[in-house]
C-alpha atoms as a PDB file:
ATOM      1  CA  MET A   1     150.566  95.181 172.523  1.00  0.00           C
ATOM      2  CA  LEU A   2     146.830  94.453 172.537  1.00  0.00           C
ATOM      3  CA  THR A   3     146.195  90.822 173.409  1.00  0.00           C
ATOM      4  CA  VAL A   4     143.118  88.626 173.709  1.00  0.00           C
ATOM      5  CA  GLU A   5     143.291  85.396 175.682  1.00  0.00           C
ATOM      6  CA  THR A   6     140.706  82.636 175.217  1.00  0.00           C
ATOM      7  CA  LEU A   7     137.994  85.228 174.665  1.00  0.00           C
ATOM      8  CA  GLY A   8     134.403  84.045 174.746  1.00  0.00           C
ATOM      9  CA  VAL A   9     131.094  85.908 174.346  1.00  0.00           C
ATOM     10  CA  THR A  10     127.598  84.439 174.457  1.00  0.00           C
ATOM     11  CA  ALA A  11     124.145  85.914 173.888  1.00  0.00           C
ATOM     12  CA  GLY A  12     120.825  84.116 174.208  1.00  0.00           C
ATOM     13  CA  GLY A  13     122.614  80.846 174.729  1.00  0.00           C
ATOM     14  CA  ALA A  14     124.548  81.171 171.455  1.00  0.00           C
ATOM     15  CA  ALA A  15     128.320  81.625 171.226  1.00  0.00           C
ATOM     16  CA  LEU A  16     129.197  84.876 169.431  1.00  0.00           C
ATOM     17  CA  LEU A  17     132.907  84.372 170.067  1.00  0.00           C
ATOM     18  CA  GLU A  18     134.572  81.170 171.176  1.00  0.00           C
ATOM     19  CA  ASP A  19     138.118  80.688 172.473  1.00  0.00           C
ATOM     20  CA  ILE A  20     139.688  83.617 170.592  1.00  0.00           C
ATOM     21  CA  SER A  21     143.383  84.224 171.282  1.00  0.00           C
ATOM     22  CA  ALA A  22     145.532  86.658 169.309  1.00  0.00           C
ATOM     23  CA  ALA A  23     148.238  89.277 169.769  1.00  0.00           C
ATOM     24  CA  LEU A  24     147.893  92.582 167.904  1.00  0.00           C
ATOM     25  CA  MET A  25     151.029  94.639 167.400  1.00  0.00           C
ATOM     26  CA  PRO A  26     151.444  98.432 167.569  1.00  0.00           C
ATOM     27  CA  GLY A  27     152.680 100.162 164.442  1.00  0.00           C
ATOM     28  CA  ARG A  28     150.731  97.779 162.204  1.00  0.00           C
ATOM     29  CA  VAL A  29     147.362  97.731 160.470  1.00  0.00           C
ATOM     30  CA  THR A  30     145.287  94.679 161.401  1.00  0.00           C
ATOM     31  CA  ALA A  31     142.119  93.846 159.461  1.00  0.00           C
ATOM     32  CA  ILE A  32     139.377  91.731 161.046  1.00  0.00           C
ATOM     33  CA  VAL A  33     137.628  89.933 158.189  1.00  0.00           C
ATOM     34  CA  GLY A  34     134.937  87.319 157.788  1.00  0.00           C
ATOM     35  CA  PRO A  35     131.376  86.879 156.525  1.00  0.00           C
ATOM     36  CA  ASN A  36     128.332  88.470 158.133  1.00  0.00           C
ATOM     37  CA  GLY A  37     127.702  87.048 161.594  1.00  0.00           C
ATOM     38  CA  ALA A  38     131.306  85.925 162.043  1.00  0.00           C
ATOM     39  CA  GLY A  39     131.730  87.964 165.247  1.00  0.00           C
ATOM     40  CA  LYS A  40     133.873  90.805 163.877  1.00  0.00           C
ATOM     41  CA  SER A  41     132.064  93.704 165.555  1.00  0.00           C
ATOM     42  CA  THR A  42     131.668  91.729 168.784  1.00  0.00           C
ATOM     43  CA  LEU A  43     135.417  91.183 168.914  1.00  0.00           C
ATOM     44  CA  LEU A  44     136.038  94.874 168.264  1.00  0.00           C
ATOM     45  CA  ASP A  45     133.637  95.812 171.085  1.00  0.00           C
ATOM     46  CA  CYS A  46     135.657  93.620 173.453  1.00  0.00           C
ATOM     47  CA  LEU A  47     138.932  95.153 172.288  1.00  0.00           C
ATOM     48  CA  THR A  48     137.621  98.647 173.056  1.00  0.00           C
ATOM     49  CA  GLY A  49     136.370  97.628 176.491  1.00  0.00           C
ATOM     50  CA  LEU A  50     132.780  98.497 175.574  1.00  0.00           C
ATOM     51  CA  ARG A  51     131.707  94.880 176.019  1.00  0.00           C
ATOM     52  CA  ALA A  52     132.896  92.591 178.754  1.00  0.00           C
ATOM     53  CA  PRO A  53     133.610  89.057 177.571  1.00  0.00           C
ATOM     54  CA  ASP A  54     131.940  86.130 179.268  1.00  0.00           C
ATOM     55  CA  GLY A  55     135.249  84.316 179.329  1.00  0.00           C
ATOM     56  CA  GLY A  56     138.897  85.191 178.808  1.00  0.00           C
ATOM     57  CA  ARG A  57     140.320  88.685 178.899  1.00  0.00           C
ATOM     58  CA  VAL A  58     141.791  91.567 176.905  1.00  0.00           C
ATOM     59  CA  LEU A  59     145.232  92.869 177.866  1.00  0.00           C
ATOM     60  CA  LEU A  60     146.779  96.214 176.969  1.00  0.00           C
ATOM     61  CA  ASP A  61     150.560  96.081 177.337  1.00  0.00           C
ATOM     62  CA  GLY A  62     150.147  93.098 179.631  1.00  0.00           C
ATOM     63  CA  ALA A  63     147.599  94.704 181.968  1.00  0.00           C
ATOM     64  CA  PRO A  64     143.870  93.906 181.953  1.00  0.00           C
ATOM     65  CA  LEU A  65     142.013  96.463 179.848  1.00  0.00           C
ATOM     66  CA  ALA A  66     139.038  96.186 182.198  1.00  0.00           C
ATOM     67  CA  ALA A  67     141.192  97.543 185.052  1.00  0.00           C
ATOM     68  CA  LEU A  68     141.673 100.908 183.335  1.00  0.00           C
ATOM     69  CA  GLY A  69     139.352 103.754 184.190  1.00  0.00           C
ATOM     70  CA  ALA A  70     137.145 105.100 181.434  1.00  0.00           C
ATOM     71  CA  SER A  71     139.207 108.279 181.001  1.00  0.00           C
ATOM     72  CA  GLU A  72     142.539 106.477 180.808  1.00  0.00           C
ATOM     73  CA  ARG A  73     141.117 103.915 178.406  1.00  0.00           C
ATOM     74  CA  ALA A  74     139.752 106.711 176.192  1.00  0.00           C
ATOM     75  CA  LYS A  75     143.199 108.306 176.060  1.00  0.00           C
ATOM     76  CA  ARG A  76     144.852 105.087 174.946  1.00  0.00           C
ATOM     77  CA  VAL A  77     142.199 103.431 172.774  1.00  0.00           C
ATOM     78  CA  GLY A  78     140.280 105.461 170.204  1.00  0.00           C
ATOM     79  CA  TYR A  79     137.081 103.910 168.869  1.00  0.00           C
ATOM     80  CA  LEU A  80     135.198 104.697 165.667  1.00  0.00           C
ATOM     81  CA  PRO A  81     131.835 102.856 165.557  1.00  0.00           C
ATOM     82  CA  GLN A  82     129.743 102.238 162.482  1.00  0.00           C
ATOM     83  CA  ASP A  83     127.490 105.203 161.664  1.00  0.00           C
ATOM     84  CA  ALA A  84     128.778 107.260 164.592  1.00  0.00           C
ATOM     85  CA  PRO A  85     125.826 109.454 165.680  1.00  0.00           C
ATOM     86  CA  LEU A  86     125.918 113.237 165.476  1.00  0.00           C
ATOM     87  CA  HIS A  87     124.398 114.561 168.705  1.00  0.00           C
ATOM     88  CA  TRP A  88     124.992 118.270 168.132  1.00  0.00           C
ATOM     89  CA  ASN A  89     124.954 120.282 164.919  1.00  0.00           C
ATOM     90  CA  ILE A  90     128.218 122.068 165.663  1.00  0.00           C
ATOM     91  CA  THR A  91     131.052 123.143 163.386  1.00  0.00           C
ATOM     92  CA  VAL A  92     133.445 120.559 162.017  1.00  0.00           C
ATOM     93  CA  ARG A  93     136.363 121.946 164.024  1.00  0.00           C
ATOM     94  CA  ALA A  94     134.338 121.906 167.242  1.00  0.00           C
ATOM     95  CA  LEU A  95     133.338 118.310 166.564  1.00  0.00           C
ATOM     96  CA  VAL A  96     136.934 117.239 165.938  1.00  0.00           C
ATOM     97  CA  ALA A  97     137.962 119.059 169.126  1.00  0.00           C
ATOM     98  CA  LEU A  98     135.748 116.706 171.139  1.00  0.00           C
ATOM     99  CA  GLY A  99     138.472 114.119 170.620  1.00  0.00           C
ATOM    100  CA  ARG A 100     140.543 116.015 173.183  1.00  0.00           C
ATOM    101  CA  PHE A 101     137.886 115.610 175.884  1.00  0.00           C
ATOM    102  CA  PRO A 102     139.760 112.834 177.774  1.00  0.00           C
ATOM    103  CA  HIS A 103     142.828 115.106 177.920  1.00  0.00           C
ATOM    104  CA  GLY A 104     140.921 118.261 178.874  1.00  0.00           C
ATOM    105  CA  ASP A 105     143.157 120.497 176.755  1.00  0.00           C
ATOM    106  CA  ALA A 106     141.186 121.329 173.603  1.00  0.00           C
ATOM    107  CA  ARG A 107     142.013 125.021 174.114  1.00  0.00           C
ATOM    108  CA  GLY A 108     145.630 124.461 175.135  1.00  0.00           C
ATOM    109  CA  ASP A 109     148.617 124.498 172.811  1.00  0.00           C
ATOM    110  CA  MET A 110     148.997 120.709 172.628  1.00  0.00           C
ATOM    111  CA  GLY A 111     145.282 120.237 172.105  1.00  0.00           C
ATOM    112  CA  ARG A 112     145.133 122.793 169.299  1.00  0.00           C
ATOM    113  CA  LEU A 113     148.138 121.225 167.590  1.00  0.00           C
ATOM    114  CA  ALA A 114     146.547 117.777 167.745  1.00  0.00           C
ATOM    115  CA  ILE A 115     143.255 119.115 166.358  1.00  0.00           C
ATOM    116  CA  ASP A 116     145.067 120.971 163.565  1.00  0.00           C
ATOM    117  CA  ARG A 117     146.972 117.834 162.617  1.00  0.00           C
ATOM    118  CA  ALA A 118     143.861 115.655 162.539  1.00  0.00           C
ATOM    119  CA  MET A 119     142.020 118.224 160.423  1.00  0.00           C
ATOM    120  CA  ARG A 120     144.929 118.424 158.019  1.00  0.00           C
ATOM    121  CA  ASP A 121     145.398 114.632 157.811  1.00  0.00           C
ATOM    122  CA  LEU A 122     141.757 114.152 156.790  1.00  0.00           C
ATOM    123  CA  GLY A 123     141.700 117.134 154.420  1.00  0.00           C
ATOM    124  CA  LEU A 124     139.114 118.950 156.530  1.00  0.00           C
ATOM    125  CA  ASP A 125     140.582 122.443 156.728  1.00  0.00           C
ATOM    126  CA  PRO A 126     138.131 123.781 154.090  1.00  0.00           C
ATOM    127  CA  PHE A 127     135.245 122.420 156.199  1.00  0.00           C
ATOM    128  CA  ALA A 128     136.378 123.846 159.541  1.00  0.00           C
ATOM    129  CA  ASP A 129     133.505 126.331 159.945  1.00  0.00           C
ATOM    130  CA  ARG A 130     130.822 124.261 158.230  1.00  0.00           C
ATOM    131  CA  LEU A 131     128.053 122.791 160.372  1.00  0.00           C
ATOM    132  CA  ALA A 132     128.474 119.041 160.684  1.00  0.00           C
ATOM    133  CA  GLY A 133     124.785 118.473 159.953  1.00  0.00           C
ATOM    134  CA  ALA A 134     125.294 119.795 156.418  1.00  0.00           C
ATOM    135  CA  LEU A 135     127.969 117.237 155.534  1.00  0.00           C
ATOM    136  CA  SER A 136     127.541 114.267 153.235  1.00  0.00           C
ATOM    137  CA  GLY A 137     127.868 110.771 154.657  1.00  0.00           C
ATOM    138  CA  GLY A 138     131.430 110.420 153.408  1.00  0.00           C
ATOM    139  CA  GLU A 139     132.437 113.829 154.748  1.00  0.00           C
ATOM    140  CA  ARG A 140     130.934 113.035 158.120  1.00  0.00           C
ATOM    141  CA  ALA A 141     132.849 109.728 158.243  1.00  0.00           C
ATOM    142  CA  ARG A 142     136.107 111.624 157.735  1.00  0.00           C
ATOM    143  CA  VAL A 143     135.197 114.117 160.465  1.00  0.00           C
ATOM    144  CA  MET A 144     134.422 111.334 162.939  1.00  0.00           C
ATOM    145  CA  LEU A 145     137.774 109.706 162.218  1.00  0.00           C
ATOM    146  CA  ALA A 146     139.498 113.073 162.670  1.00  0.00           C
ATOM    147  CA  ARG A 147     137.857 113.323 166.094  1.00  0.00           C
ATOM    148  CA  VAL A 148     139.459 110.007 167.049  1.00  0.00           C
ATOM    149  CA  LEU A 149     142.839 111.078 165.637  1.00  0.00           C
ATOM    150  CA  ALA A 150     142.731 114.322 167.610  1.00  0.00           C
ATOM    151  CA  GLY A 151     142.824 112.278 170.812  1.00  0.00           C
ATOM    152  CA  GLU A 152     146.229 110.859 169.797  1.00  0.00           C
ATOM    153  CA  PRO A 153     145.476 107.355 171.137  1.00  0.00           C
ATOM    154  CA  ASP A 154     147.949 104.488 171.130  1.00  0.00           C
ATOM    155  CA  TRP A 155     145.361 102.367 169.334  1.00  0.00           C
ATOM    156  CA  ILE A 156     142.620 103.213 166.839  1.00  0.00           C
ATOM    157  CA  LEU A 157     139.837 100.639 166.519  1.00  0.00           C
ATOM    158  CA  ALA A 158     137.370 101.224 163.696  1.00  0.00           C
ATOM    159  CA  ASP A 159     134.231  99.294 162.761  1.00  0.00           C
ATOM    160  CA  GLU A 160     133.791  99.462 158.984  1.00  0.00           C
ATOM    161  CA  PRO A 161     135.335 102.936 158.561  1.00  0.00           C
ATOM    162  CA  LEU A 162     135.157 102.632 154.756  1.00  0.00           C
ATOM    163  CA  ALA A 163     131.446 101.934 154.446  1.00  0.00           C
ATOM    164  CA  ALA A 164     130.299 105.508 153.691  1.00  0.00           C
ATOM    165  CA  LEU A 165     133.249 106.445 151.465  1.00  0.00           C
ATOM    166  CA  ASP A 166     133.529 106.349 147.697  1.00  0.00           C
ATOM    167  CA  LEU A 167     136.320 104.331 146.101  1.00  0.00           C
ATOM    168  CA  SER A 168     138.918 107.102 145.878  1.00  0.00           C
ATOM    169  CA  HIS A 169     138.373 108.130 149.498  1.00  0.00           C
ATOM    170  CA  ARG A 170     138.595 104.481 150.602  1.00  0.00           C
ATOM    171  CA  TYR A 171     142.074 104.134 149.134  1.00  0.00           C
ATOM    172  CA  ALA A 172     143.075 107.533 150.521  1.00  0.00           C
ATOM    173  CA  LEU A 173     141.850 106.588 153.998  1.00  0.00           C
ATOM    174  CA  MET A 174     143.669 103.259 154.010  1.00  0.00           C
ATOM    175  CA  ALA A 175     146.869 105.000 152.902  1.00  0.00           C
ATOM    176  CA  LEU A 176     146.355 107.500 155.731  1.00  0.00           C
ATOM    177  CA  LEU A 177     145.871 104.708 158.276  1.00  0.00           C
ATOM    178  CA  ARG A 178     149.104 103.098 157.115  1.00  0.00           C
ATOM    179  CA  GLY A 179     150.843 106.431 157.629  1.00  0.00           C
ATOM    180  CA  ILE A 180     149.409 106.706 161.140  1.00  0.00           C
ATOM    181  CA  ALA A 181     150.551 103.163 161.903  1.00  0.00           C
ATOM    182  CA  ALA A 182     154.053 104.167 160.788  1.00  0.00           C
ATOM    183  CA  ARG A 183     154.048 106.637 163.701  1.00  0.00           C
ATOM    184  CA  GLY A 184     153.705 103.655 166.069  1.00  0.00           C
ATOM    185  CA  VAL A 185     149.911 103.646 166.465  1.00  0.00           C
ATOM    186  CA  GLY A 186     148.158 100.287 166.326  1.00  0.00           C
ATOM    187  CA  ILE A 187     145.299 100.253 163.794  1.00  0.00           C
ATOM    188  CA  VAL A 188     142.570  97.602 163.992  1.00  0.00           C
ATOM    189  CA  LEU A 189     139.619  97.746 161.618  1.00  0.00           C
ATOM    190  CA  VAL A 190     136.708  95.553 160.670  1.00  0.00           C
ATOM    191  CA  ALA A 191     136.800  95.239 156.881  1.00  0.00           C
ATOM    192  CA  HIS A 192     134.465  93.681 154.335  1.00  0.00           C
ATOM    193  CA  ASP A 193     136.583  94.849 151.394  1.00  0.00           C
ATOM    194  CA  LEU A 194     139.106  92.045 150.942  1.00  0.00           C
ATOM    195  CA  ALA A 195     140.947  93.978 148.230  1.00  0.00           C
ATOM    196  CA  LEU A 196     141.758  96.861 150.527  1.00  0.00           C
ATOM    197  CA  ALA A 197     142.563  94.536 153.410  1.00  0.00           C
ATOM    198  CA  ALA A 198     144.976  92.539 151.262  1.00  0.00           C
ATOM    199  CA  THR A 199     146.587  95.666 149.846  1.00  0.00           C
ATOM    200  CA  TYR A 200     146.929  97.911 152.888  1.00  0.00           C
ATOM    201  CA  ALA A 201     146.782  95.783 156.038  1.00  0.00           C
ATOM    202  CA  ASP A 202     149.857  94.170 157.548  1.00  0.00           C
ATOM    203  CA  ASP A 203     148.003  91.475 159.478  1.00  0.00           C
ATOM    204  CA  ALA A 204     144.569  89.884 159.428  1.00  0.00           C
ATOM    205  CA  LEU A 205     142.264  87.949 161.719  1.00  0.00           C
ATOM    206  CA  LEU A 206     139.898  85.672 159.804  1.00  0.00           C
ATOM    207  CA  LEU A 207     136.717  84.807 161.729  1.00  0.00           C
ATOM    208  CA  ASP A 208     133.875  82.449 160.957  1.00  0.00           C
ATOM    209  CA  HIS A 209     130.906  81.646 163.221  1.00  0.00           C
ATOM    210  CA  GLY A 210     132.669  83.165 166.206  1.00  0.00           C
ATOM    211  CA  ARG A 211     135.856  81.156 165.787  1.00  0.00           C
ATOM    212  CA  LEU A 212     139.307  82.361 164.779  1.00  0.00           C
ATOM    213  CA  ILE A 213     140.251  80.537 161.587  1.00  0.00           C
ATOM    214  CA  ALA A 214     143.639  82.176 161.083  1.00  0.00           C
ATOM    215  CA  ALA A 215     145.729  85.091 162.352  1.00  0.00           C
ATOM    216  CA  GLY A 216     148.960  86.546 161.070  1.00  0.00           C
ATOM    217  CA  PRO A 217     150.404  88.399 158.070  1.00  0.00           C
ATOM    218  CA  VAL A 218     147.817  89.009 155.339  1.00  0.00           C
ATOM    219  CA  ALA A 219     149.803  86.953 152.824  1.00  0.00           C
ATOM    220  CA  GLU A 220     149.372  83.918 155.086  1.00  0.00           C
ATOM    221  CA  VAL A 221     145.757  84.538 156.150  1.00  0.00           C
ATOM    222  CA  LEU A 222     144.026  85.871 153.032  1.00  0.00           C
ATOM    223  CA  THR A 223     144.683  82.868 150.824  1.00  0.00           C
ATOM    224  CA  PRO A 224     142.331  80.991 148.474  1.00  0.00           C
ATOM    225  CA  GLU A 225     142.603  77.899 150.662  1.00  0.00           C
ATOM    226  CA  ARG A 226     141.425  79.742 153.762  1.00  0.00           C
ATOM    227  CA  LEU A 227     138.973  82.227 152.251  1.00  0.00           C
ATOM    228  CA  GLY A 228     137.095  79.750 150.052  1.00  0.00           C
ATOM    229  CA  PRO A 229     135.549  77.594 152.803  1.00  0.00           C
ATOM    230  CA  VAL A 230     134.759  80.650 154.961  1.00  0.00           C
ATOM    231  CA  PHE A 231     133.029  82.741 152.290  1.00  0.00           C
ATOM    232  CA  GLY A 232     131.634  79.862 150.222  1.00  0.00           C
ATOM    233  CA  VAL A 233     133.269  81.232 147.068  1.00  0.00           C
ATOM    234  CA  ALA A 234     136.221  79.807 145.162  1.00  0.00           C
ATOM    235  CA  PHE A 235     139.280  82.067 145.060  1.00  0.00           C
ATOM    236  CA  ASP A 236     142.414  81.846 142.959  1.00  0.00           C
ATOM    237  CA  TRP A 237     145.554  83.794 142.164  1.00  0.00           C
ATOM    238  CA  VAL A 238     146.115  85.373 138.757  1.00  0.00           C
ATOM    239  CA  ARG A 239     149.095  87.434 137.662  1.00  0.00           C
ATOM    240  CA  ALA A 240     148.669  91.000 136.409  1.00  0.00           C
ATOM    241  CA  ASP A 241     150.770  92.570 133.645  1.00  0.00           C
ATOM    242  CA  ASP A 242     153.049  94.227 136.211  1.00  0.00           C
ATOM    243  CA  GLY A 243     153.776  90.904 137.882  1.00  0.00           C
ATOM    244  CA  THR A 244     151.529  91.497 140.881  1.00  0.00           C
ATOM    245  CA  ARG A 245     149.478  88.520 142.005  1.00  0.00           C
ATOM    246  CA  LEU A 246     145.759  89.278 142.286  1.00  0.00           C
ATOM    247  CA  LEU A 247     143.281  87.293 144.348  1.00  0.00           C
ATOM    248  CA  VAL A 248     140.043  86.796 142.396  1.00  0.00           C
ATOM    249  CA  SER A 249     136.798  84.993 143.147  1.00  0.00           C
ATOM    250  CA  SER A 250     135.074  82.530 140.830  1.00  0.00           C
ATOM    251  CA  ALA A 251     132.787  85.401 139.781  1.00  0.00           C
ATOM    252  CA  GLY A 252     135.803  87.254 138.452  1.00  0.00           C
ATOM    253  CA  THR A 253     135.865  89.911 141.178  1.00  0.00           C
ATOM    254  CA  ARG A 254     139.292  91.154 142.162  1.00  0.00           C
ATOM    255  CA  HIS A 255     139.768  90.662 145.897  1.00  0.00           C
ATOM    256  CA  GLY A 256     143.313  91.610 146.684  1.00  0.00           C
ATOM    257  CA  ARG A 257     146.935  91.500 145.734  1.00  0.00           C
ATOM    258  CA  ALA A 258     150.250  90.290 146.991  1.00  0.00           C
ATOM    259  CA  GLU A 259     153.708  90.966 145.684  1.00  0.00           C
ATOM    260  CA  SER A 260     155.321  88.029 143.964  1.00  0.00           C
END
């Protein structure tokens, strides 16, 4: 379990996060949602251990995350930042293999198997010998996620992993993340796309101005009553022809679905 207790972060005298407490469960996909400036990326940085909170703490299986060494933390928590930089123009397979660095076994049998699986999961086998610098933005995003997967962490934390992907690859990636969660891995992602969050996530954390508005199953968090005041847009449920309930905004944009 990944737990935050009364987490607080300040910068320049302003509260970026205030009194955040939540328990994230392994084997589930958790979406962190909220408007711009809500504190989503700041919370993710604290969950990865890249940013120390000014108050409260993050626990991994009951132990303080801050007490883990960098190597052990990297083995257990995989992190995919927004626009992950490409430092070396190496082949796709070599880049994915960097995910085994904390284990030190990229050339061993277990390392090769993990790299092969990550490449296959992301559909990257045809790109194995291509230089990463020649990839499109969407292709590079898939490679960077494969690098995280190759490390076989207990948790994968991703900051807007869908941003560079077209619509079909967004749905494919979310389906893949659900499959990874089914293996027992905890998936936590910052998401602006409410439709995908409502469709594919199990749980959601709704933030606004650094405060936690709601946490729990998506059907209880992503509701018109909660989303409307946070996003400043009216939401409502409509029923599709197949009986599925769709969450739509006042502008007529489809924002999610829930089974009736």
